[in-house]
Amino acid sequence: MRLITCSKNTILSPLSSWALMFIKQLRTTIKNNVNSTKQFVDKISKQNIEENEHLASLDVTDLYTNVPKTRAIDIAINRIGQSEMFCESNLTKTDMK
């Protein structure tokens, strides 16, 4: 998960920063999550590739255009609703959504 909003000097900047706190906590619960290029390079450099295997790198264009937004939001809200930070807050899933 990552935040995909313009969050610099906009009216939604504080809201984006607030939502990012929840997303950052969720990142720690996702197996094989990569948060930066450095982390990716560190992980990939430790992989052993056999002679009959190939490593491919894909530059995906318009990756999110076919994702149903409502379903994606519901999945994210359900995951956030299970987080420790959310459970300790006074928020409801409706508030978050």
PDB file of N, CA and C in Angstrom:
ATOM      1  N   MET A   1       0.838  -1.177   0.000  1.00  0.00           N
ATOM      2  CA  MET A   1       0.000   0.000   0.000  1.00  0.00           C
ATOM      3  C   MET A   1       0.878   1.233   0.000  1.00  0.00           C
ATOM      4  N   ARG A   2       0.444   2.191  -0.744  1.00  0.00           N
ATOM      5  CA  ARG A   2       1.116   3.475  -0.662  1.00  0.00           C
ATOM      6  C   ARG A   2       0.097   4.555  -0.954  1.00  0.00           C
ATOM      7  N   LEU A   3       0.363   5.731  -0.468  1.00  0.00           N
ATOM      8  CA  LEU A   3      -0.515   6.856  -0.632  1.00  0.00           C
ATOM      9  C   LEU A   3      -0.326   7.431  -2.029  1.00  0.00           C
ATOM     10  N   ILE A   4      -1.408   7.562  -2.767  1.00  0.00           N
ATOM     11  CA  ILE A   4      -1.313   8.122  -4.111  1.00  0.00           C
ATOM     12  C   ILE A   4      -2.183   9.375  -4.158  1.00  0.00           C
ATOM     13  N   THR A   5      -1.649  10.444  -3.643  1.00  0.00           N
ATOM     14  CA  THR A   5      -2.329  11.733  -3.682  1.00  0.00           C
ATOM     15  C   THR A   5      -1.271  12.809  -3.809  1.00  0.00           C
ATOM     16  N   CYS A   6      -1.698  13.940  -4.283  1.00  0.00           N
ATOM     17  CA  CYS A   6      -0.817  15.102  -4.269  1.00  0.00           C
ATOM     18  C   CYS A   6      -0.946  15.682  -2.874  1.00  0.00           C
ATOM     19  N   SER A   7       0.099  15.579  -2.086  1.00  0.00           N
ATOM     20  CA  SER A   7      -0.036  15.968  -0.691  1.00  0.00           C
ATOM     21  C   SER A   7       0.884  17.116  -0.278  1.00  0.00           C
ATOM     22  N   LYS A   8       1.418  17.810  -1.240  1.00  0.00           N
ATOM     23  CA  LYS A   8       2.299  18.931  -0.907  1.00  0.00           C
ATOM     24  C   LYS A   8       1.574  20.251  -1.126  1.00  0.00           C
ATOM     25  N   ASN A   9       1.431  20.987  -0.052  1.00  0.00           N
ATOM     26  CA  ASN A   9       0.852  22.330  -0.100  1.00  0.00           C
ATOM     27  C   ASN A   9      -0.513  22.374  -0.765  1.00  0.00           C
ATOM     28  N   THR A  10      -1.372  21.412  -0.429  1.00  0.00           N
ATOM     29  CA  THR A  10      -2.747  21.444  -0.918  1.00  0.00           C
ATOM     30  C   THR A  10      -3.672  21.464   0.284  1.00  0.00           C
ATOM     31  N   ILE A  11      -4.931  21.693   0.028  1.00  0.00           N
ATOM     32  CA  ILE A  11      -5.915  21.720   1.112  1.00  0.00           C
ATOM     33  C   ILE A  11      -6.018  20.348   1.787  1.00  0.00           C
ATOM     34  N   LEU A  12      -5.662  19.281   1.049  1.00  0.00           N
ATOM     35  CA  LEU A  12      -5.749  17.931   1.602  1.00  0.00           C
ATOM     36  C   LEU A  12      -4.436  17.436   2.216  1.00  0.00           C
ATOM     37  N   SER A  13      -3.417  18.277   2.251  1.00  0.00           N
ATOM     38  CA  SER A  13      -2.121  17.870   2.803  1.00  0.00           C
ATOM     39  C   SER A  13      -2.216  17.289   4.210  1.00  0.00           C
ATOM     40  N   PRO A  14      -2.909  17.948   5.146  1.00  0.00           N
ATOM     41  CA  PRO A  14      -2.994  17.379   6.494  1.00  0.00           C
ATOM     42  C   PRO A  14      -3.719  16.028   6.516  1.00  0.00           C
ATOM     43  N   LEU A  15      -4.757  15.889   5.711  1.00  0.00           N
ATOM     44  CA  LEU A  15      -5.501  14.637   5.656  1.00  0.00           C
ATOM     45  C   LEU A  15      -4.643  13.523   5.052  1.00  0.00           C
ATOM     46  N   SER A  16      -3.893  13.834   4.012  1.00  0.00           N
ATOM     47  CA  SER A  16      -3.003  12.851   3.399  1.00  0.00           C
ATOM     48  C   SER A  16      -1.934  12.394   4.385  1.00  0.00           C
ATOM     49  N   SER A  17      -1.356  13.336   5.113  1.00  0.00           N
ATOM     50  CA  SER A  17      -0.329  12.992   6.105  1.00  0.00           C
ATOM     51  C   SER A  17      -0.911  12.111   7.202  1.00  0.00           C
ATOM     52  N   TRP A  18      -2.120  12.412   7.630  1.00  0.00           N
ATOM     53  CA  TRP A  18      -2.794  11.638   8.669  1.00  0.00           C
ATOM     54  C   TRP A  18      -3.053  10.211   8.179  1.00  0.00           C
ATOM     55  N   ALA A  19      -3.572  10.063   6.968  1.00  0.00           N
ATOM     56  CA  ALA A  19      -3.855   8.729   6.417  1.00  0.00           C
ATOM     57  C   ALA A  19      -2.564   7.935   6.233  1.00  0.00           C
ATOM     58  N   LEU A  20      -1.485   8.614   5.900  1.00  0.00           N
ATOM     59  CA  LEU A  20      -0.208   7.948   5.695  1.00  0.00           C
ATOM     60  C   LEU A  20       0.290   7.268   6.975  1.00  0.00           C
ATOM     61  N   MET A  21      -0.044   7.811   8.134  1.00  0.00           N
ATOM     62  CA  MET A  21       0.351   7.174   9.401  1.00  0.00           C
ATOM     63  C   MET A  21      -0.230   5.761   9.488  1.00  0.00           C
ATOM     64  N   PHE A  22      -1.489   5.590   9.107  1.00  0.00           N
ATOM     65  CA  PHE A  22      -2.125   4.276   9.141  1.00  0.00           C
ATOM     66  C   PHE A  22      -1.510   3.349   8.094  1.00  0.00           C
ATOM     67  N   ILE A  23      -1.261   3.883   6.912  1.00  0.00           N
ATOM     68  CA  ILE A  23      -0.699   3.075   5.833  1.00  0.00           C
ATOM     69  C   ILE A  23       0.709   2.613   6.189  1.00  0.00           C
ATOM     70  N   LYS A  24       1.498   3.481   6.796  1.00  0.00           N
ATOM     71  CA  LYS A  24       2.854   3.089   7.196  1.00  0.00           C
ATOM     72  C   LYS A  24       2.822   1.925   8.174  1.00  0.00           C
ATOM     73  N   GLN A  25       1.877   1.947   9.110  1.00  0.00           N
ATOM     74  CA  GLN A  25       1.779   0.838  10.055  1.00  0.00           C
ATOM     75  C   GLN A  25       1.374  -0.444   9.327  1.00  0.00           C
ATOM     76  N   LEU A  26       0.478  -0.349   8.360  1.00  0.00           N
ATOM     77  CA  LEU A  26       0.054  -1.531   7.612  1.00  0.00           C
ATOM     78  C   LEU A  26       1.191  -2.116   6.798  1.00  0.00           C
ATOM     79  N   ARG A  27       2.072  -1.288   6.302  1.00  0.00           N
ATOM     80  CA  ARG A  27       3.206  -1.785   5.515  1.00  0.00           C
ATOM     81  C   ARG A  27       4.017  -2.805   6.293  1.00  0.00           C
ATOM     82  N   THR A  28       4.086  -2.636   7.590  1.00  0.00           N
ATOM     83  CA  THR A  28       4.875  -3.557   8.404  1.00  0.00           C
ATOM     84  C   THR A  28       4.213  -4.925   8.514  1.00  0.00           C
ATOM     85  N   THR A  29       2.933  -5.037   8.161  1.00  0.00           N
ATOM     86  CA  THR A  29       2.218  -6.308   8.274  1.00  0.00           C
ATOM     87  C   THR A  29       2.173  -7.075   6.950  1.00  0.00           C
ATOM     88  N   ILE A  30       2.671  -6.473   5.883  1.00  0.00           N
ATOM     89  CA  ILE A  30       2.603  -7.091   4.559  1.00  0.00           C
ATOM     90  C   ILE A  30       3.929  -7.780   4.255  1.00  0.00           C
ATOM     91  N   LYS A  31       3.861  -9.076   3.981  1.00  0.00           N
ATOM     92  CA  LYS A  31       5.070  -9.837   3.680  1.00  0.00           C
ATOM     93  C   LYS A  31       5.639  -9.390   2.329  1.00  0.00           C
ATOM     94  N   ASN A  32       6.947  -9.299   2.246  1.00  0.00           N
ATOM     95  CA  ASN A  32       7.656  -8.926   1.022  1.00  0.00           C
ATOM     96  C   ASN A  32       7.329  -7.514   0.537  1.00  0.00           C
ATOM     97  N   ASN A  33       7.036  -6.637   1.437  1.00  0.00           N
ATOM     98  CA  ASN A  33       6.773  -5.252   1.089  1.00  0.00           C
ATOM     99  C   ASN A  33       8.098  -4.523   0.867  1.00  0.00           C
ATOM    100  N   VAL A  34       8.155  -3.664  -0.136  1.00  0.00           N
ATOM    101  CA  VAL A  34       9.360  -2.881  -0.420  1.00  0.00           C
ATOM    102  C   VAL A  34       8.976  -1.407  -0.336  1.00  0.00           C
ATOM    103  N   ASN A  35       9.697  -0.662   0.480  1.00  0.00           N
ATOM    104  CA  ASN A  35       9.363   0.744   0.714  1.00  0.00           C
ATOM    105  C   ASN A  35      10.243   1.740  -0.029  1.00  0.00           C
ATOM    106  N   SER A  36      11.359   1.261  -0.582  1.00  0.00           N
ATOM    107  CA  SER A  36      12.257   2.200  -1.255  1.00  0.00           C
ATOM    108  C   SER A  36      13.112   1.457  -2.282  1.00  0.00           C
ATOM    109  N   THR A  37      13.726   2.214  -3.158  1.00  0.00           N
ATOM    110  CA  THR A  37      14.618   1.624  -4.155  1.00  0.00           C
ATOM    111  C   THR A  37      15.789   0.929  -3.472  1.00  0.00           C
ATOM    112  N   LYS A  38      16.331   1.550  -2.434  1.00  0.00           N
ATOM    113  CA  LYS A  38      17.452   0.950  -1.712  1.00  0.00           C
ATOM    114  C   LYS A  38      17.040  -0.399  -1.122  1.00  0.00           C
ATOM    115  N   GLN A  39      15.878  -0.455  -0.525  1.00  0.00           N
ATOM    116  CA  GLN A  39      15.411  -1.709   0.059  1.00  0.00           C
ATOM    117  C   GLN A  39      15.225  -2.769  -1.032  1.00  0.00           C
ATOM    118  N   PHE A  40      14.724  -2.359  -2.187  1.00  0.00           N
ATOM    119  CA  PHE A  40      14.553  -3.287  -3.304  1.00  0.00           C
ATOM    120  C   PHE A  40      15.903  -3.830  -3.761  1.00  0.00           C
ATOM    121  N   VAL A  41      16.874  -2.934  -3.928  1.00  0.00           N
ATOM    122  CA  VAL A  41      18.207  -3.354  -4.369  1.00  0.00           C
ATOM    123  C   VAL A  41      18.825  -4.303  -3.349  1.00  0.00           C
ATOM    124  N   ASP A  42      18.676  -3.998  -2.074  1.00  0.00           N
ATOM    125  CA  ASP A  42      19.209  -4.880  -1.024  1.00  0.00           C
ATOM    126  C   ASP A  42      18.587  -6.271  -1.110  1.00  0.00           C
ATOM    127  N   LYS A  43      17.267  -6.325  -1.298  1.00  0.00           N
ATOM    128  CA  LYS A  43      16.581  -7.631  -1.364  1.00  0.00           C
ATOM    129  C   LYS A  43      16.952  -8.397  -2.627  1.00  0.00           C
ATOM    130  N   ILE A  44      16.955  -7.723  -3.760  1.00  0.00           N
ATOM    131  CA  ILE A  44      17.185  -8.399  -5.034  1.00  0.00           C
ATOM    132  C   ILE A  44      18.633  -8.873  -5.149  1.00  0.00           C
ATOM    133  N   SER A  45      19.560  -8.158  -4.527  1.00  0.00           N
ATOM    134  CA  SER A  45      20.968  -8.557  -4.610  1.00  0.00           C
ATOM    135  C   SER A  45      21.241  -9.842  -3.827  1.00  0.00           C
ATOM    136  N   LYS A  46      20.357 -10.211  -2.945  1.00  0.00           N
ATOM    137  CA  LYS A  46      20.518 -11.440  -2.153  1.00  0.00           C
ATOM    138  C   LYS A  46      19.859 -12.654  -2.815  1.00  0.00           C
ATOM    139  N   GLN A  47      19.175 -12.437  -3.934  1.00  0.00           N
ATOM    140  CA  GLN A  47      18.484 -13.526  -4.609  1.00  0.00           C
ATOM    141  C   GLN A  47      19.457 -14.333  -5.472  1.00  0.00           C
ATOM    142  N   ASN A  48      19.350 -15.632  -5.401  1.00  0.00           N
ATOM    143  CA  ASN A  48      20.144 -16.500  -6.257  1.00  0.00           C
ATOM    144  C   ASN A  48      19.325 -16.853  -7.489  1.00  0.00           C
ATOM    145  N   ILE A  49      19.885 -16.602  -8.654  1.00  0.00           N
ATOM    146  CA  ILE A  49      19.199 -16.896  -9.901  1.00  0.00           C
ATOM    147  C   ILE A  49      19.967 -18.006 -10.612  1.00  0.00           C
ATOM    148  N   GLU A  50      19.269 -19.090 -10.874  1.00  0.00           N
ATOM    149  CA  GLU A  50      19.884 -20.244 -11.537  1.00  0.00           C
ATOM    150  C   GLU A  50      20.138 -19.928 -13.012  1.00  0.00           C
ATOM    151  N   GLU A  51      20.974 -20.738 -13.665  1.00  0.00           N
ATOM    152  CA  GLU A  51      21.307 -20.520 -15.079  1.00  0.00           C
ATOM    153  C   GLU A  51      20.085 -20.543 -15.981  1.00  0.00           C
ATOM    154  N   ASN A  52      19.106 -21.361 -15.670  1.00  0.00           N
ATOM    155  CA  ASN A  52      17.915 -21.488 -16.520  1.00  0.00           C
ATOM    156  C   ASN A  52      16.800 -20.519 -16.106  1.00  0.00           C
ATOM    157  N   GLU A  53      17.084 -19.602 -15.210  1.00  0.00           N
ATOM    158  CA  GLU A  53      16.105 -18.601 -14.765  1.00  0.00           C
ATOM    159  C   GLU A  53      16.483 -17.229 -15.299  1.00  0.00           C
ATOM    160  N   HIS A  54      15.480 -16.354 -15.370  1.00  0.00           N
ATOM    161  CA  HIS A  54      15.699 -14.992 -15.847  1.00  0.00           C
ATOM    162  C   HIS A  54      15.020 -14.014 -14.902  1.00  0.00           C
ATOM    163  N   LEU A  55      15.610 -12.864 -14.761  1.00  0.00           N
ATOM    164  CA  LEU A  55      15.037 -11.796 -13.961  1.00  0.00           C
ATOM    165  C   LEU A  55      14.490 -10.747 -14.925  1.00  0.00           C
ATOM    166  N   ALA A  56      13.234 -10.394 -14.746  1.00  0.00           N
ATOM    167  CA  ALA A  56      12.609  -9.399 -15.626  1.00  0.00           C
ATOM    168  C   ALA A  56      12.195  -8.181 -14.821  1.00  0.00           C
ATOM    169  N   SER A  57      12.329  -7.039 -15.420  1.00  0.00           N
ATOM    170  CA  SER A  57      11.890  -5.788 -14.816  1.00  0.00           C
ATOM    171  C   SER A  57      10.847  -5.178 -15.746  1.00  0.00           C
ATOM    172  N   LEU A  58       9.702  -4.858 -15.195  1.00  0.00           N
ATOM    173  CA  LEU A  58       8.617  -4.330 -16.011  1.00  0.00           C
ATOM    174  C   LEU A  58       8.280  -2.907 -15.587  1.00  0.00           C
ATOM    175  N   ASP A  59       8.120  -2.035 -16.540  1.00  0.00           N
ATOM    176  CA  ASP A  59       7.664  -0.676 -16.283  1.00  0.00           C
ATOM    177  C   ASP A  59       6.187  -0.651 -16.649  1.00  0.00           C
ATOM    178  N   VAL A  60       5.345  -0.677 -15.655  1.00  0.00           N
ATOM    179  CA  VAL A  60       3.910  -0.795 -15.891  1.00  0.00           C
ATOM    180  C   VAL A  60       3.309   0.604 -16.040  1.00  0.00           C
ATOM    181  N   THR A  61       2.626   0.809 -17.140  1.00  0.00           N
ATOM    182  CA  THR A  61       1.952   2.075 -17.394  1.00  0.00           C
ATOM    183  C   THR A  61       0.486   1.935 -17.037  1.00  0.00           C
ATOM    184  N   ASP A  62      -0.065   2.947 -16.426  1.00  0.00           N
ATOM    185  CA  ASP A  62      -1.479   2.954 -16.057  1.00  0.00           C
ATOM    186  C   ASP A  62      -1.855   1.747 -15.204  1.00  0.00           C
ATOM    187  N   LEU A  63      -1.033   1.447 -14.222  1.00  0.00           N
ATOM    188  CA  LEU A  63      -1.219   0.272 -13.376  1.00  0.00           C
ATOM    189  C   LEU A  63      -2.560   0.283 -12.651  1.00  0.00           C
ATOM    190  N   TYR A  64      -2.999   1.437 -12.205  1.00  0.00           N
ATOM    191  CA  TYR A  64      -4.188   1.491 -11.363  1.00  0.00           C
ATOM    192  C   TYR A  64      -5.472   1.837 -12.097  1.00  0.00           C
ATOM    193  N   THR A  65      -5.450   1.976 -13.410  1.00  0.00           N
ATOM    194  CA  THR A  65      -6.649   2.407 -14.125  1.00  0.00           C
ATOM    195  C   THR A  65      -7.745   1.351 -14.140  1.00  0.00           C
ATOM    196  N   ASN A  66      -7.394   0.078 -14.001  1.00  0.00           N
ATOM    197  CA  ASN A  66      -8.399  -0.982 -14.039  1.00  0.00           C
ATOM    198  C   ASN A  66      -8.779  -1.513 -12.667  1.00  0.00           C
ATOM    199  N   VAL A  67      -8.270  -0.900 -11.629  1.00  0.00           N
ATOM    200  CA  VAL A  67      -8.608  -1.336 -10.273  1.00  0.00           C
ATOM    201  C   VAL A  67      -9.940  -0.697  -9.879  1.00  0.00           C
ATOM    202  N   PRO A  68     -10.924  -1.518  -9.500  1.00  0.00           N
ATOM    203  CA  PRO A  68     -12.203  -0.942  -9.058  1.00  0.00           C
ATOM    204  C   PRO A  68     -11.991  -0.118  -7.786  1.00  0.00           C
ATOM    205  N   LYS A  69     -12.201   1.175  -7.867  1.00  0.00           N
ATOM    206  CA  LYS A  69     -11.890   2.071  -6.752  1.00  0.00           C
ATOM    207  C   LYS A  69     -12.663   1.722  -5.481  1.00  0.00           C
ATOM    208  N   THR A  70     -13.942   1.438  -5.615  1.00  0.00           N
ATOM    209  CA  THR A  70     -14.758   1.123  -4.443  1.00  0.00           C
ATOM    210  C   THR A  70     -14.250  -0.125  -3.742  1.00  0.00           C
ATOM    211  N   ARG A  71     -13.911  -1.137  -4.512  1.00  0.00           N
ATOM    212  CA  ARG A  71     -13.392  -2.390  -3.930  1.00  0.00           C
ATOM    213  C   ARG A  71     -12.038  -2.158  -3.265  1.00  0.00           C
ATOM    214  N   ALA A  72     -11.180  -1.384  -3.914  1.00  0.00           N
ATOM    215  CA  ALA A  72      -9.864  -1.090  -3.345  1.00  0.00           C
ATOM    216  C   ALA A  72      -9.993  -0.327  -2.030  1.00  0.00           C
ATOM    217  N   ILE A  73     -10.900   0.624  -1.994  1.00  0.00           N
ATOM    218  CA  ILE A  73     -11.125   1.392  -0.759  1.00  0.00           C
ATOM    219  C   ILE A  73     -11.635   0.469   0.338  1.00  0.00           C
ATOM    220  N   ASP A  74     -12.582  -0.406   0.016  1.00  0.00           N
ATOM    221  CA  ASP A  74     -13.114  -1.342   1.014  1.00  0.00           C
ATOM    222  C   ASP A  74     -12.027  -2.254   1.572  1.00  0.00           C
ATOM    223  N   ILE A  75     -11.151  -2.753   0.704  1.00  0.00           N
ATOM    224  CA  ILE A  75     -10.052  -3.621   1.146  1.00  0.00           C
ATOM    225  C   ILE A  75      -9.118  -2.847   2.067  1.00  0.00           C
ATOM    226  N   ALA A  76      -8.768  -1.626   1.670  1.00  0.00           N
ATOM    227  CA  ALA A  76      -7.866  -0.810   2.491  1.00  0.00           C
ATOM    228  C   ALA A  76      -8.491  -0.487   3.846  1.00  0.00           C
ATOM    229  N   ILE A  77      -9.759  -0.135   3.855  1.00  0.00           N
ATOM    230  CA  ILE A  77     -10.450   0.195   5.110  1.00  0.00           C
ATOM    231  C   ILE A  77     -10.498  -1.026   6.026  1.00  0.00           C
ATOM    232  N   ASN A  78     -10.770  -2.196   5.460  1.00  0.00           N
ATOM    233  CA  ASN A  78     -10.801  -3.411   6.285  1.00  0.00           C
ATOM    234  C   ASN A  78      -9.435  -3.705   6.884  1.00  0.00           C
ATOM    235  N   ARG A  79      -8.370  -3.544   6.105  1.00  0.00           N
ATOM    236  CA  ARG A  79      -7.007  -3.772   6.627  1.00  0.00           C
ATOM    237  C   ARG A  79      -6.664  -2.736   7.692  1.00  0.00           C
ATOM    238  N   ILE A  80      -6.991  -1.475   7.436  1.00  0.00           N
ATOM    239  CA  ILE A  80      -6.723  -0.422   8.414  1.00  0.00           C
ATOM    240  C   ILE A  80      -7.512  -0.686   9.691  1.00  0.00           C
ATOM    241  N   GLY A  81      -8.755  -1.170   9.542  1.00  0.00           N
ATOM    242  CA  GLY A  81      -9.603  -1.472  10.695  1.00  0.00           C
ATOM    243  C   GLY A  81      -9.038  -2.548  11.596  1.00  0.00           C
ATOM    244  N   GLN A  82      -8.121  -3.347  11.090  1.00  0.00           N
ATOM    245  CA  GLN A  82      -7.485  -4.397  11.882  1.00  0.00           C
ATOM    246  C   GLN A  82      -6.183  -3.934  12.533  1.00  0.00           C
ATOM    247  N   SER A  83      -5.750  -2.743  12.205  1.00  0.00           N
ATOM    248  CA  SER A  83      -4.457  -2.277  12.711  1.00  0.00           C
ATOM    249  C   SER A  83      -4.558  -1.852  14.173  1.00  0.00           C
ATOM    250  N   GLU A  84      -3.438  -1.988  14.847  1.00  0.00           N
ATOM    251  CA  GLU A  84      -3.366  -1.609  16.261  1.00  0.00           C
ATOM    252  C   GLU A  84      -3.653  -0.119  16.438  1.00  0.00           C
ATOM    253  N   MET A  85      -3.081   0.698  15.560  1.00  0.00           N
ATOM    254  CA  MET A  85      -3.272   2.138  15.659  1.00  0.00           C
ATOM    255  C   MET A  85      -4.752   2.502  15.522  1.00  0.00           C
ATOM    256  N   PHE A  86      -5.433   1.874  14.588  1.00  0.00           N
ATOM    257  CA  PHE A  86      -6.847   2.159  14.375  1.00  0.00           C
ATOM    258  C   PHE A  86      -7.667   1.706  15.583  1.00  0.00           C
ATOM    259  N   CYS A  87      -7.378   0.498  16.070  1.00  0.00           N
ATOM    260  CA  CYS A  87      -8.129  -0.045  17.205  1.00  0.00           C
ATOM    261  C   CYS A  87      -7.972   0.818  18.452  1.00  0.00           C
ATOM    262  N   GLU A  88      -6.828   1.479  18.587  1.00  0.00           N
ATOM    263  CA  GLU A  88      -6.595   2.338  19.745  1.00  0.00           C
ATOM    264  C   GLU A  88      -7.195   3.731  19.567  1.00  0.00           C
ATOM    265  N   SER A  89      -7.650   4.033  18.370  1.00  0.00           N
ATOM    266  CA  SER A  89      -8.237   5.363  18.120  1.00  0.00           C
ATOM    267  C   SER A  89      -9.740   5.316  18.418  1.00  0.00           C
ATOM    268  N   ASN A  90     -10.366   6.458  18.343  1.00  0.00           N
ATOM    269  CA  ASN A  90     -11.814   6.549  18.534  1.00  0.00           C
ATOM    270  C   ASN A  90     -12.547   6.570  17.209  1.00  0.00           C
ATOM    271  N   LEU A  91     -11.878   6.192  16.146  1.00  0.00           N
ATOM    272  CA  LEU A  91     -12.462   6.249  14.806  1.00  0.00           C
ATOM    273  C   LEU A  91     -13.280   4.992  14.505  1.00  0.00           C
ATOM    274  N   THR A  92     -14.214   5.161  13.590  1.00  0.00           N
ATOM    275  CA  THR A  92     -14.928   4.006  13.038  1.00  0.00           C
ATOM    276  C   THR A  92     -14.444   3.820  11.603  1.00  0.00           C
ATOM    277  N   LYS A  93     -14.796   2.688  11.010  1.00  0.00           N
ATOM    278  CA  LYS A  93     -14.436   2.474   9.608  1.00  0.00           C
ATOM    279  C   LYS A  93     -15.099   3.508   8.718  1.00  0.00           C
ATOM    280  N   THR A  94     -16.300   3.916   9.083  1.00  0.00           N
ATOM    281  CA  THR A  94     -16.996   4.958   8.314  1.00  0.00           C
ATOM    282  C   THR A  94     -16.229   6.265   8.373  1.00  0.00           C
ATOM    283  N   ASP A  95     -15.713   6.603   9.559  1.00  0.00           N
ATOM    284  CA  ASP A  95     -14.894   7.828   9.694  1.00  0.00           C
ATOM    285  C   ASP A  95     -13.699   7.759   8.749  1.00  0.00           C
ATOM    286  N   MET A  96     -13.030   6.624   8.736  1.00  0.00           N
ATOM    287  CA  MET A  96     -11.837   6.457   7.907  1.00  0.00           C
ATOM    288  C   MET A  96     -12.187   6.553   6.432  1.00  0.00           C
ATOM    289  N   LYS A  97     -13.276   5.903   6.045  1.00  0.00           N
ATOM    290  CA  LYS A  97     -13.674   5.908   4.638  1.00  0.00           C
ATOM    291  C   LYS A  97     -14.031   7.316   4.210  1.00  0.00           C
TER     292      LYS A  97
END
